[in-house]
Amino acid sequence: MSTSTPTPTPTSEGSPRRALASLTRNPAVFFILRRVVTGFFVLLGATLLMYLLTAWSGDPRQNFESFPPDVRESKIAAVTKILHLDDFVLVRYFRWLGGVSGCVVPGLKCDLGKSLDNTAVTALLGNAITTTLRLVLVALALAVILGVIVGILSALRQYSGFDYTVTFASFLFFSLPIFWVAVLLKEFGAIKFNNWLSSPSIPIWVSVVVGLAVALFLSTVIGGNLKRRAIVFGVSLLAVIAVLQYFSAVNWFARPALGVGLILLLSVLSGLMFTTLISGLAARPVLSSSLITAVVGTVIGVLLAPVLKNPAVSFLFVLALITVAVSFAIGWFVGGEEYRSQSIRAAILTGLFTGGFVLLDRILSNFARFSDKKFGRPIPTVGDSTPNFRGNIWQHFLDTTTSLLLPTIALILISFASYTRYTRASMLEVMNQDYIRTARAKGLTERTVVMRHAFRNALIPLTTVVAYDFAAVLGGAVITENVFGWKGMGTLFITGLKDVNPNVVMAFFLVTATAAVLFNLIADLLYTALDPRIRLQ
């Protein structure tokens, strides 16, 4: 009589081991785990070195040497107790490290220590990070978008007038001292501009100069033969002069608004742009989807005007979701079987831009009342907001954006130059590759070659630069923050160094070092998304 041996069931101890083994056999998961472990030890060594350097750089108790004797002794005793200065430096480091572990381990308290005035460093760090993110992330995102677009156009028009103009402007902006740009922006972008807004009028000679600059720029961008450039130059010059003189006559700069006509015009132009980029104007279903979305979005924006006077943020978010849904439906039904995917993308982008123009009209319509509440000085020179400001949602938005305006422009001018040059060089290198020549030989359109084959691979070198910059901006823009009176990470770091405030300095270093490790990992992962030939081994 034979007996069958029962198949052993996996124990609860063996299952996690097998699960972990299967995960580590996945190249991507193993790569991420390896980089996380490596990054942990890099951060550990870096924080130890930085803590030792900070501790040896000076004694915080020296800040109170000039105080009266009775106050000095109490202050020194308090600081010694707060910072544990009687302990050995390594003991202090491991105590600080134990508090930091609470920021990543669930159930433990995140404690980065106290500053000299017995304030929790986590509170100081939270306020500084919020201020810095508002300042630099918007500027960096705009600089990346503008720099990539202009860099691609410059590469596609190599050695043209536009290319030479962009090259000259890039080197000019890159060489400008940031403190000098910031001071000029405060003088002419805030003080003089606020004075001009009290009685805004544009002389005809100013309109002519601006028109010449715009016409020259557009004629170089569009290119073509001499006759085509002359037509673009003349039409652009007359259009700019007419628009500026009209705005000056109706006092538009003091009481701006877009109106239904301008909203529709901008929406149609955005639909034409997205159709050109996605499929080309020859794809009629895609073009029809974009134009229908622009018209429908403008009409809906007019009908919603009464409820958009002071809406809640949640209501605007719901409107955005409805906009995407309606645009998707238009692209689905109008695009047909052949162009459905392209029509949906073009319609959604056009719908979102149309909604943005509708909201921009509401924001501009509130500018006059906002300016009155700011006593006719809507563009501030210092600070990130107006204390105790009261108004509707659009006026609060204007208060935030006007505070961001000048420092954002200062940062964009410097960053835009480098991103333009990086993109141009990368695009030129990619356009000379064999697979680009093969794509052209197969009969693909130039738009398809540029957008689907060249652009994606040209972003790979730029990804490294952008990832590094995103990590670096968390450290704050020290000079820009000081000039415009923002209390961000840069100001926090400088103050910590000046006052020999070790926990504040270490909090700054912890954030920037962690961001550097994290964003470098993200850049490596993005490489595989941009180029399927790259594998995480």
Protein backbone atom coordinates (compact mmCIF):
# COMPACT_ATOMS: atom_id res chain seq x y z
CA MET A 1 0.00 0.00 0.00
CA SER A 2 1.56 3.21 -1.14
CA THR A 3 1.24 6.39 0.77
CA SER A 4 1.38 9.83 -0.77
CA THR A 5 3.54 12.44 0.79
CA PRO A 6 1.64 15.71 1.24
CA THR A 7 3.03 18.72 -0.56
CA PRO A 8 4.56 21.04 2.03
CA THR A 9 2.76 24.33 2.32
CA PRO A 10 4.86 27.47 2.40
CA THR A 11 5.44 28.74 5.86
CA SER A 12 4.63 32.25 6.86
CA GLU A 13 8.35 32.82 7.25
CA GLY A 14 9.22 31.62 3.76
CA SER A 15 6.59 33.61 1.89
CA PRO A 16 8.05 37.05 2.62
CA ARG A 17 11.49 35.77 1.64
CA ARG A 18 10.21 34.48 -1.69
CA ALA A 19 8.30 37.72 -2.26
CA LEU A 20 11.43 39.75 -1.52
CA ALA A 21 13.49 37.51 -3.79
CA SER A 22 10.99 37.93 -6.65
CA LEU A 23 11.06 41.69 -6.20
CA THR A 24 14.84 41.92 -6.22
CA ARG A 25 14.93 39.84 -9.42
CA ASN A 26 13.06 42.70 -11.13
CA PRO A 27 15.81 44.98 -12.56
CA ALA A 28 13.85 48.18 -12.01
CA VAL A 29 12.94 47.35 -8.40
CA PHE A 30 16.46 46.19 -7.62
CA PHE A 31 17.88 49.37 -9.15
CA ILE A 32 15.59 51.57 -7.03
CA LEU A 33 16.34 49.61 -3.84
CA ARG A 34 20.06 49.82 -4.49
CA ARG A 35 19.92 53.55 -5.11
CA VAL A 36 17.80 54.14 -2.01
CA VAL A 37 20.26 52.21 0.18
CA THR A 38 23.21 54.00 -1.41
CA GLY A 39 21.50 57.36 -0.99
CA PHE A 40 20.84 56.61 2.67
CA PHE A 41 24.53 56.05 3.42
CA VAL A 42 25.50 59.09 1.33
CA LEU A 43 23.12 61.25 3.38
CA LEU A 44 24.38 59.70 6.61
CA GLY A 45 28.00 60.52 5.83
CA ALA A 46 27.18 63.97 4.48
CA THR A 47 25.10 64.97 7.51
CA LEU A 48 27.82 63.75 9.88
CA LEU A 49 30.46 65.80 8.07
CA MET A 50 28.22 68.87 7.91
CA TYR A 51 27.29 68.58 11.60
CA LEU A 52 30.95 68.43 12.60
CA LEU A 53 31.83 71.42 10.43
CA THR A 54 28.90 73.41 11.82
CA ALA A 55 29.78 72.51 15.43
CA TRP A 56 33.43 73.47 14.93
CA SER A 57 32.65 76.72 13.07
CA GLY A 58 31.82 78.63 16.23
CA ASP A 59 30.15 78.67 19.62
CA PRO A 60 26.52 79.94 19.69
CA ARG A 61 27.11 81.29 23.18
CA GLN A 62 29.40 83.98 21.78
CA ASN A 63 26.32 85.82 20.51
CA PHE A 64 25.59 86.88 24.10
CA GLU A 65 29.04 88.12 25.11
CA SER A 66 28.01 91.77 24.74
CA PHE A 67 24.91 91.37 26.94
CA PRO A 68 24.82 92.70 30.55
CA PRO A 69 26.30 90.18 33.03
CA ASP A 70 23.02 89.14 34.62
CA VAL A 71 21.29 88.64 31.26
CA ARG A 72 24.36 87.06 29.67
CA GLU A 73 24.61 84.24 32.19
CA SER A 74 20.95 83.32 31.90
CA LYS A 75 21.07 83.40 28.11
CA ILE A 76 24.20 81.25 27.95
CA ALA A 77 22.70 78.75 30.37
CA ALA A 78 19.47 78.58 28.37
CA VAL A 79 21.26 78.08 25.03
CA THR A 80 23.57 75.46 26.56
CA LYS A 81 20.55 73.50 27.74
CA ILE A 82 18.57 73.91 24.48
CA LEU A 83 21.42 72.83 22.20
CA HIS A 84 23.04 70.36 24.64
CA LEU A 85 26.37 72.14 24.23
CA ASP A 86 27.84 70.40 27.29
CA ASP A 87 27.68 67.04 25.49
CA PHE A 88 30.33 65.67 23.14
CA VAL A 89 29.73 66.63 19.50
CA LEU A 90 29.09 63.04 18.35
CA VAL A 91 26.55 62.57 21.13
CA ARG A 92 24.75 65.69 19.91
CA TYR A 93 24.84 64.41 16.34
CA PHE A 94 23.27 61.06 17.21
CA ARG A 95 20.62 62.81 19.32
CA TRP A 96 19.82 65.01 16.30
CA LEU A 97 19.82 61.95 14.02
CA GLY A 98 17.34 60.24 16.32
CA GLY A 99 14.98 63.20 15.95
CA VAL A 100 15.40 63.13 12.17
CA SER A 101 14.48 59.44 12.04
CA GLY A 102 11.05 60.39 13.36
CA CYS A 103 10.46 62.31 10.12
CA VAL A 104 10.58 59.07 8.07
CA VAL A 105 9.62 56.31 10.53
CA PRO A 106 5.88 56.15 11.26
CA GLY A 107 4.93 56.47 14.90
CA LEU A 108 7.96 58.55 15.89
CA LYS A 109 8.01 62.31 16.42
CA CYS A 110 9.81 64.41 13.83
CA ASP A 111 12.20 66.60 15.80
CA LEU A 112 14.91 68.71 14.15
CA GLY A 113 15.87 70.41 17.37
CA LYS A 114 15.46 73.98 18.59
CA SER A 115 16.87 77.27 17.39
CA LEU A 116 18.68 79.76 19.62
CA ASP A 117 15.42 81.40 20.66
CA ASN A 118 13.90 78.01 21.63
CA THR A 119 11.70 77.86 18.52
CA ALA A 120 11.10 74.46 16.95
CA VAL A 121 13.18 74.19 13.78
CA THR A 122 10.43 72.19 12.08
CA ALA A 123 8.15 75.24 12.27
CA LEU A 124 10.84 77.54 10.85
CA LEU A 125 11.64 75.03 8.12
CA GLY A 126 7.99 74.59 7.15
CA ASN A 127 7.44 78.32 6.68
CA ALA A 128 10.72 78.72 4.76
CA ILE A 129 10.04 75.80 2.40
CA THR A 130 6.54 77.08 1.63
CA THR A 131 7.87 80.53 0.77
CA THR A 132 10.73 79.18 -1.33
CA LEU A 133 8.54 76.77 -3.28
CA ARG A 134 6.14 79.56 -4.16
CA LEU A 135 9.02 81.70 -5.37
CA VAL A 136 11.29 79.38 -7.30
CA LEU A 137 9.17 76.51 -8.59
CA VAL A 138 6.94 78.75 -10.69
CA ALA A 139 9.99 80.55 -12.08
CA LEU A 140 11.80 77.30 -12.80
CA ALA A 141 8.80 75.67 -14.47
CA LEU A 142 8.27 78.69 -16.73
CA ALA A 143 12.00 78.89 -17.51
CA VAL A 144 12.04 75.20 -18.51
CA ILE A 145 8.96 75.49 -20.74
CA LEU A 146 10.10 78.70 -22.46
CA GLY A 147 13.71 77.54 -22.68
CA VAL A 148 12.78 74.22 -24.30
CA ILE A 149 10.42 75.82 -26.84
CA VAL A 150 12.84 78.58 -27.83
CA GLY A 151 15.79 76.16 -27.85
CA ILE A 152 14.00 73.80 -30.24
CA LEU A 153 13.04 76.66 -32.57
CA SER A 154 16.60 77.94 -32.46
CA ALA A 155 17.96 74.51 -33.40
CA LEU A 156 15.47 74.05 -36.24
CA ARG A 157 16.44 77.49 -37.60
CA GLN A 158 20.18 77.10 -37.11
CA TYR A 159 22.28 80.05 -38.30
CA SER A 160 19.16 82.10 -39.06
CA GLY A 161 18.43 85.58 -37.76
CA PHE A 162 16.26 84.08 -35.06
CA ASP A 163 19.06 81.74 -33.98
CA TYR A 164 21.57 84.57 -33.75
CA THR A 165 19.08 86.72 -31.81
CA VAL A 166 18.33 83.94 -29.32
CA THR A 167 22.03 83.18 -28.91
CA PHE A 168 22.84 86.83 -28.23
CA ALA A 169 19.93 87.20 -25.77
CA SER A 170 20.84 83.97 -23.97
CA PHE A 171 24.44 85.00 -23.37
CA LEU A 172 23.29 88.49 -22.37
CA PHE A 173 20.78 87.20 -19.79
CA PHE A 174 23.20 84.60 -18.49
CA SER A 175 25.88 87.24 -17.84
CA LEU A 176 23.57 89.65 -16.02
CA PRO A 177 24.17 89.85 -12.24
CA ILE A 178 20.99 88.73 -10.51
CA PHE A 179 21.16 91.46 -7.85
CA TRP A 180 21.43 94.15 -10.56
CA VAL A 181 18.45 92.69 -12.47
CA ALA A 182 16.41 92.54 -9.26
CA VAL A 183 17.14 96.17 -8.37
CA LEU A 184 16.23 97.34 -11.89
CA LEU A 185 12.98 95.40 -11.75
CA LYS A 186 12.09 97.03 -8.45
CA GLU A 187 12.80 100.47 -9.86
CA PHE A 188 11.13 100.17 -13.27
CA GLY A 189 8.81 97.19 -12.84
CA ALA A 190 7.29 98.35 -9.55
CA ILE A 191 7.97 101.98 -8.60
CA LYS A 192 7.88 103.58 -12.07
CA PHE A 193 5.13 101.24 -13.30
CA ASN A 194 2.91 102.03 -10.32
CA ASN A 195 3.43 105.74 -10.95
CA TRP A 196 2.49 105.25 -14.61
CA LEU A 197 -0.70 103.35 -13.70
CA SER A 198 -2.08 106.44 -11.97
CA SER A 199 -2.53 107.96 -15.46
CA PRO A 200 -1.72 105.28 -18.05
CA SER A 201 -1.21 106.56 -21.56
CA ILE A 202 1.12 105.39 -24.32
CA PRO A 203 2.69 108.01 -26.61
CA ILE A 204 2.69 107.16 -30.28
CA TRP A 205 6.50 106.95 -30.40
CA VAL A 206 6.47 104.28 -27.67
CA SER A 207 3.94 102.28 -29.67
CA VAL A 208 6.16 102.55 -32.74
CA VAL A 209 9.26 101.37 -30.86
CA VAL A 210 7.41 98.42 -29.31
CA GLY A 211 5.86 97.61 -32.68
CA LEU A 212 9.26 97.61 -34.38
CA ALA A 213 10.68 95.25 -31.74
CA VAL A 214 7.73 92.83 -32.00
CA ALA A 215 7.67 92.98 -35.80
CA LEU A 216 11.40 92.31 -36.03
CA PHE A 217 11.10 89.36 -33.66
CA LEU A 218 8.12 87.81 -35.49
CA SER A 219 9.70 88.24 -38.91
CA THR A 220 12.81 86.38 -37.76
CA VAL A 221 10.79 83.63 -36.06
CA ILE A 222 8.49 82.95 -39.01
CA GLY A 223 11.30 83.18 -41.54
CA GLY A 224 10.81 82.55 -45.26
CA ASN A 225 11.86 84.65 -48.21
CA LEU A 226 12.31 88.40 -48.13
CA LYS A 227 8.79 89.13 -49.37
CA ARG A 228 7.19 86.97 -46.67
CA ARG A 229 9.28 88.55 -43.95
CA ALA A 230 8.40 92.04 -45.18
CA ILE A 231 4.68 91.22 -45.08
CA VAL A 232 4.95 89.78 -41.55
CA PHE A 233 6.98 92.79 -40.44
CA GLY A 234 4.53 95.33 -41.83
CA VAL A 235 1.38 93.61 -40.57
CA SER A 236 2.88 93.05 -37.11
CA LEU A 237 4.05 96.66 -36.85
CA LEU A 238 0.66 98.11 -37.75
CA ALA A 239 -1.21 95.63 -35.52
CA VAL A 240 0.91 96.38 -32.43
CA ILE A 241 0.64 100.14 -32.91
CA ALA A 242 -3.13 99.93 -33.37
CA VAL A 243 -3.65 97.67 -30.34
CA LEU A 244 -1.49 99.78 -28.01
CA GLN A 245 -3.14 103.02 -29.09
CA TYR A 246 -6.58 101.47 -28.66
CA PHE A 247 -5.73 100.23 -25.16
CA SER A 248 -4.36 103.66 -24.28
CA ALA A 249 -7.51 105.40 -25.55
CA VAL A 250 -9.94 103.21 -23.58
CA ASN A 251 -7.76 103.28 -20.43
CA TRP A 252 -7.39 99.48 -20.61
CA PHE A 253 -4.25 99.29 -18.47
CA ALA A 254 -6.03 100.84 -15.48
CA ARG A 255 -9.17 98.70 -15.92
CA PRO A 256 -8.15 95.64 -17.95
CA ALA A 257 -10.37 92.81 -19.18
CA LEU A 258 -10.37 90.37 -22.09
CA GLY A 259 -14.02 90.34 -23.10
CA VAL A 260 -15.85 87.72 -25.12
CA GLY A 261 -14.21 88.62 -28.43
CA LEU A 262 -10.63 88.37 -27.17
CA ILE A 263 -11.38 85.15 -25.26
CA LEU A 264 -12.75 83.57 -28.44
CA LEU A 265 -9.81 84.80 -30.52
CA LEU A 266 -7.20 83.48 -28.08
CA SER A 267 -9.07 80.17 -27.75
CA VAL A 268 -9.20 79.70 -31.52
CA LEU A 269 -5.48 80.53 -31.82
CA SER A 270 -4.66 77.98 -29.10
CA GLY A 271 -6.76 75.39 -30.94
CA LEU A 272 -4.85 76.07 -34.16
CA MET A 273 -1.55 75.78 -32.30
CA PHE A 274 -2.38 72.44 -30.68
CA THR A 275 -3.76 71.05 -33.94
CA THR A 276 -0.53 72.02 -35.69
CA LEU A 277 1.60 70.36 -33.05
CA ILE A 278 -0.45 67.18 -32.69
CA SER A 279 -1.57 66.33 -36.22
CA GLY A 280 -1.11 69.26 -38.57
CA LEU A 281 -3.81 71.53 -40.00
CA ALA A 282 -4.46 69.06 -42.82
CA ALA A 283 -6.24 66.73 -40.36
CA ARG A 284 -9.67 68.33 -40.60
CA PRO A 285 -11.39 66.28 -37.85
CA VAL A 286 -8.71 67.32 -35.36
CA LEU A 287 -9.00 70.95 -36.44
CA SER A 288 -12.79 70.82 -36.17
CA SER A 289 -12.58 69.32 -32.66
CA SER A 290 -10.27 72.11 -31.49
CA LEU A 291 -12.35 74.92 -33.01
CA ILE A 292 -15.65 73.51 -31.72
CA THR A 293 -14.12 73.17 -28.24
CA ALA A 294 -12.93 76.79 -28.37
CA VAL A 295 -16.39 78.08 -29.33
CA VAL A 296 -18.26 75.89 -26.82
CA GLY A 297 -15.84 76.81 -24.03
CA THR A 298 -16.21 80.53 -24.72
CA VAL A 299 -20.02 80.30 -24.71
CA ILE A 300 -20.04 78.31 -21.46
CA GLY A 301 -17.64 80.84 -19.92
CA VAL A 302 -20.05 83.68 -20.76
CA LEU A 303 -22.99 81.76 -19.25
CA LEU A 304 -21.03 81.02 -16.07
CA ALA A 305 -19.99 84.66 -15.53
CA PRO A 306 -22.47 85.25 -12.63
CA VAL A 307 -21.23 82.22 -10.64
CA LEU A 308 -17.57 83.06 -11.24
CA LYS A 309 -17.66 86.36 -9.36
CA ASN A 310 -16.33 84.80 -6.14
CA PRO A 311 -16.26 80.99 -6.48
CA ALA A 312 -14.71 78.47 -4.14
CA VAL A 313 -11.51 76.67 -5.11
CA SER A 314 -13.33 73.32 -5.02
CA PHE A 315 -15.89 74.67 -7.50
CA LEU A 316 -13.10 75.67 -9.89
CA PHE A 317 -11.61 72.19 -9.59
CA VAL A 318 -14.99 70.65 -10.49
CA LEU A 319 -15.24 73.00 -13.47
CA ALA A 320 -11.82 71.82 -14.64
CA LEU A 321 -12.96 68.18 -14.51
CA ILE A 322 -16.15 69.06 -16.42
CA THR A 323 -14.03 70.91 -19.00
CA VAL A 324 -11.91 67.82 -19.56
CA ALA A 325 -15.01 65.61 -19.83
CA VAL A 326 -16.78 67.89 -22.35
CA SER A 327 -13.59 68.31 -24.41
CA PHE A 328 -13.09 64.53 -24.40
CA ALA A 329 -16.63 64.03 -25.68
CA ILE A 330 -16.14 66.58 -28.48
CA GLY A 331 -12.89 64.96 -29.55
CA TRP A 332 -14.45 61.50 -29.41
CA PHE A 333 -17.49 62.25 -31.58
CA VAL A 334 -15.93 64.73 -34.01
CA GLY A 335 -12.58 62.98 -34.51
CA GLY A 336 -13.94 59.78 -35.99
CA GLU A 337 -12.15 56.44 -36.01
CA GLU A 338 -9.00 57.58 -37.80
CA TYR A 339 -8.24 60.74 -35.80
CA ARG A 340 -9.99 59.99 -32.51
CA SER A 341 -6.91 59.88 -30.29
CA GLN A 342 -5.40 63.03 -31.76
CA SER A 343 -8.74 64.86 -31.66
CA ILE A 344 -9.23 64.05 -27.99
CA ARG A 345 -5.78 65.38 -27.07
CA ALA A 346 -6.19 68.57 -29.10
CA ALA A 347 -9.71 69.16 -27.75
CA ILE A 348 -8.70 68.68 -24.10
CA LEU A 349 -5.73 71.03 -24.40
CA THR A 350 -7.85 73.62 -26.21
CA GLY A 351 -10.61 73.29 -23.61
CA LEU A 352 -8.20 73.80 -20.72
CA PHE A 353 -6.66 76.85 -22.39
CA THR A 354 -10.13 78.27 -23.10
CA GLY A 355 -11.07 77.80 -19.47
CA GLY A 356 -7.82 79.50 -18.51
CA PHE A 357 -8.68 82.52 -20.69
CA VAL A 358 -12.12 82.73 -19.07
CA LEU A 359 -10.55 82.75 -15.61
CA LEU A 360 -7.93 85.26 -16.76
CA ASP A 361 -10.76 87.58 -17.81
CA ARG A 362 -12.26 87.34 -14.31
CA ILE A 363 -8.86 88.06 -12.74
CA LEU A 364 -8.21 91.11 -14.93
CA SER A 365 -11.72 92.41 -14.27
CA ASN A 366 -10.87 92.59 -10.56
CA PHE A 367 -7.56 94.41 -11.10
CA ALA A 368 -9.00 97.91 -10.71
CA ARG A 369 -10.63 97.16 -7.35
CA PHE A 370 -7.51 95.34 -6.23
CA SER A 371 -5.37 98.37 -7.17
CA ASP A 372 -7.68 100.66 -5.20
CA LYS A 373 -7.28 98.47 -2.11
CA LYS A 374 -3.48 98.69 -2.56
CA PHE A 375 -3.74 102.52 -2.72
CA GLY A 376 -2.83 102.58 -6.39
CA ARG A 377 0.40 100.57 -5.89
CA PRO A 378 -0.56 97.08 -7.13
CA ILE A 379 3.01 95.87 -7.82
CA PRO A 380 4.86 95.47 -4.49
CA THR A 381 8.62 95.82 -4.09
CA VAL A 382 9.07 93.58 -1.02
CA GLY A 383 7.27 90.72 0.70
CA ASP A 384 5.36 87.67 -0.49
CA SER A 385 1.86 88.98 0.31
CA THR A 386 -0.01 91.93 1.79
CA PRO A 387 -0.67 91.54 5.55
CA ASN A 388 -4.35 91.52 6.52
CA PHE A 389 -5.49 91.87 2.91
CA ARG A 390 -9.23 91.35 2.38
CA GLY A 391 -10.95 90.64 -0.91
CA ASN A 392 -12.53 87.95 -3.06
CA ILE A 393 -10.71 84.95 -4.46
CA TRP A 394 -9.53 86.81 -7.57
CA GLN A 395 -8.14 89.72 -5.57
CA HIS A 396 -6.28 87.35 -3.26
CA PHE A 397 -4.89 85.66 -6.36
CA LEU A 398 -3.76 89.03 -7.68
CA ASP A 399 -2.14 89.80 -4.33
CA THR A 400 -0.11 86.59 -4.54
CA THR A 401 0.81 86.82 -8.22
CA THR A 402 1.84 90.49 -8.11
CA SER A 403 4.18 89.67 -5.22
CA LEU A 404 5.61 86.83 -7.29
CA LEU A 405 5.88 88.82 -10.50
CA LEU A 406 9.20 90.64 -10.15
CA PRO A 407 11.28 87.91 -8.43
CA THR A 408 9.91 85.36 -10.90
CA ILE A 409 10.98 87.50 -13.86
CA ALA A 410 14.44 87.93 -12.33
CA LEU A 411 14.89 84.18 -11.91
CA ILE A 412 13.43 83.35 -15.34
CA LEU A 413 15.85 85.66 -17.17
CA ILE A 414 18.84 83.84 -15.70
CA SER A 415 17.53 80.26 -15.95
CA PHE A 416 15.95 80.73 -19.38
CA ALA A 417 19.35 81.38 -20.94
CA SER A 418 20.91 78.11 -19.77
CA TYR A 419 17.90 75.96 -20.69
CA THR A 420 17.78 77.50 -24.16
CA ARG A 421 21.42 76.69 -24.82
CA TYR A 422 21.16 73.15 -23.43
CA THR A 423 18.06 72.41 -25.52
CA ARG A 424 19.54 73.86 -28.70
CA ALA A 425 22.76 71.85 -28.37
CA SER A 426 20.91 68.63 -27.54
CA MET A 427 18.43 69.11 -30.39
CA LEU A 428 21.18 69.76 -32.93
CA GLU A 429 22.99 66.60 -31.85
CA VAL A 430 19.84 64.49 -32.14
CA MET A 431 18.84 65.92 -35.54
CA ASN A 432 22.12 64.63 -37.00
CA GLN A 433 21.57 61.04 -35.86
CA ASP A 434 21.04 58.17 -38.30
CA TYR A 435 17.53 57.32 -37.09
CA ILE A 436 16.39 60.89 -37.89
CA ARG A 437 17.66 60.53 -41.45
CA THR A 438 15.94 57.16 -41.66
CA ALA A 439 12.64 58.66 -40.47
CA ARG A 440 12.87 61.35 -43.13
CA ALA A 441 13.76 58.77 -45.79
CA LYS A 442 10.60 56.83 -44.89
CA GLY A 443 8.55 59.87 -45.92
CA LEU A 444 7.46 61.08 -42.49
CA THR A 445 6.50 64.72 -42.21
CA GLU A 446 8.91 67.13 -40.58
CA ARG A 447 6.45 67.70 -37.73
CA THR A 448 6.37 63.95 -37.00
CA VAL A 449 10.16 63.67 -37.20
CA VAL A 450 10.67 66.58 -34.80
CA MET A 451 7.89 65.90 -32.28
CA ARG A 452 7.93 62.09 -32.12
CA HIS A 453 11.55 61.17 -32.81
CA ALA A 454 13.88 64.10 -32.15
CA PHE A 455 12.19 66.02 -29.31
CA ARG A 456 11.86 63.06 -26.96
CA ASN A 457 15.51 62.03 -27.23
CA ALA A 458 16.70 65.62 -27.02
CA LEU A 459 15.15 65.86 -23.55
CA ILE A 460 17.43 63.16 -22.09
CA PRO A 461 20.47 65.40 -21.42
CA LEU A 462 18.17 68.21 -20.28
CA THR A 463 16.54 65.89 -17.73
CA THR A 464 19.76 65.74 -15.74
CA VAL A 465 20.07 69.52 -15.64
CA VAL A 466 16.43 70.09 -14.70
CA ALA A 467 16.54 67.44 -11.95
CA TYR A 468 19.64 69.02 -10.47
CA ASP A 469 18.09 72.49 -10.62
CA PHE A 470 14.86 71.32 -8.97
CA ALA A 471 16.92 69.97 -6.11
CA ALA A 472 19.05 73.11 -5.94
CA VAL A 473 16.13 75.56 -5.85
CA LEU A 474 14.91 74.04 -2.60
CA GLY A 475 17.94 75.72 -1.10
CA GLY A 476 16.36 79.02 -2.02
CA ALA A 477 17.44 81.94 -4.17
CA VAL A 478 19.52 83.74 -1.55
CA ILE A 479 20.17 87.00 -3.42
CA THR A 480 16.66 87.28 -4.88
CA GLU A 481 15.07 86.58 -1.50
CA ASN A 482 17.16 89.28 0.16
CA VAL A 483 16.43 91.92 -2.50
CA PHE A 484 12.68 91.30 -2.53
CA GLY A 485 12.31 90.64 1.20
CA TRP A 486 11.22 86.99 1.04
CA LYS A 487 11.87 84.83 4.12
CA GLY A 488 12.67 81.53 2.42
CA MET A 489 15.23 78.77 2.65
CA GLY A 490 18.10 80.94 1.47
CA THR A 491 17.43 83.57 4.11
CA LEU A 492 17.04 80.85 6.75
CA PHE A 493 20.43 79.38 5.83
CA ILE A 494 22.27 82.72 5.84
CA THR A 495 20.73 83.67 9.18
CA GLY A 496 21.66 80.28 10.64
CA LEU A 497 25.27 80.68 9.55
CA LYS A 498 25.51 84.23 10.82
CA ASP A 499 24.08 83.39 14.25
CA VAL A 500 25.96 80.06 14.51
CA ASN A 501 22.61 78.30 14.80
CA PRO A 502 23.54 74.63 14.17
CA ASN A 503 20.09 73.03 14.09
CA VAL A 504 18.82 75.56 11.56
CA VAL A 505 21.84 75.00 9.31
CA MET A 506 21.42 71.23 9.56
CA ALA A 507 17.72 71.44 8.71
CA PHE A 508 18.58 73.40 5.57
CA PHE A 509 21.29 70.92 4.60
CA LEU A 510 19.03 67.92 5.26
CA VAL A 511 16.36 69.22 2.88
CA THR A 512 18.75 70.16 0.07
CA ALA A 513 20.84 66.98 0.34
CA THR A 514 17.76 64.73 0.39
CA ALA A 515 16.34 66.58 -2.60
CA ALA A 516 19.61 66.14 -4.52
CA VAL A 517 19.62 62.37 -3.95
CA LEU A 518 15.90 62.00 -4.68
CA PHE A 519 15.83 64.04 -7.88
CA ASN A 520 18.89 62.27 -9.26
CA LEU A 521 17.02 59.00 -8.79
CA ILE A 522 13.96 60.47 -10.53
CA ALA A 523 16.17 61.60 -13.43
CA ASP A 524 17.50 58.06 -13.87
CA LEU A 525 13.95 56.71 -13.96
CA LEU A 526 12.89 59.33 -16.50
CA TYR A 527 15.66 58.21 -18.84
CA THR A 528 13.86 54.90 -19.38
CA ALA A 529 10.57 56.67 -20.07
CA LEU A 530 12.16 58.98 -22.65
CA ASP A 531 14.30 56.33 -24.37
CA PRO A 532 13.11 52.68 -24.35
CA ARG A 533 16.65 51.58 -25.26
CA ILE A 534 17.82 52.52 -21.77
CA ARG A 535 17.27 49.78 -19.20
CA LEU A 536 17.73 49.89 -15.44
CA GLN A 537 20.35 47.18 -14.97
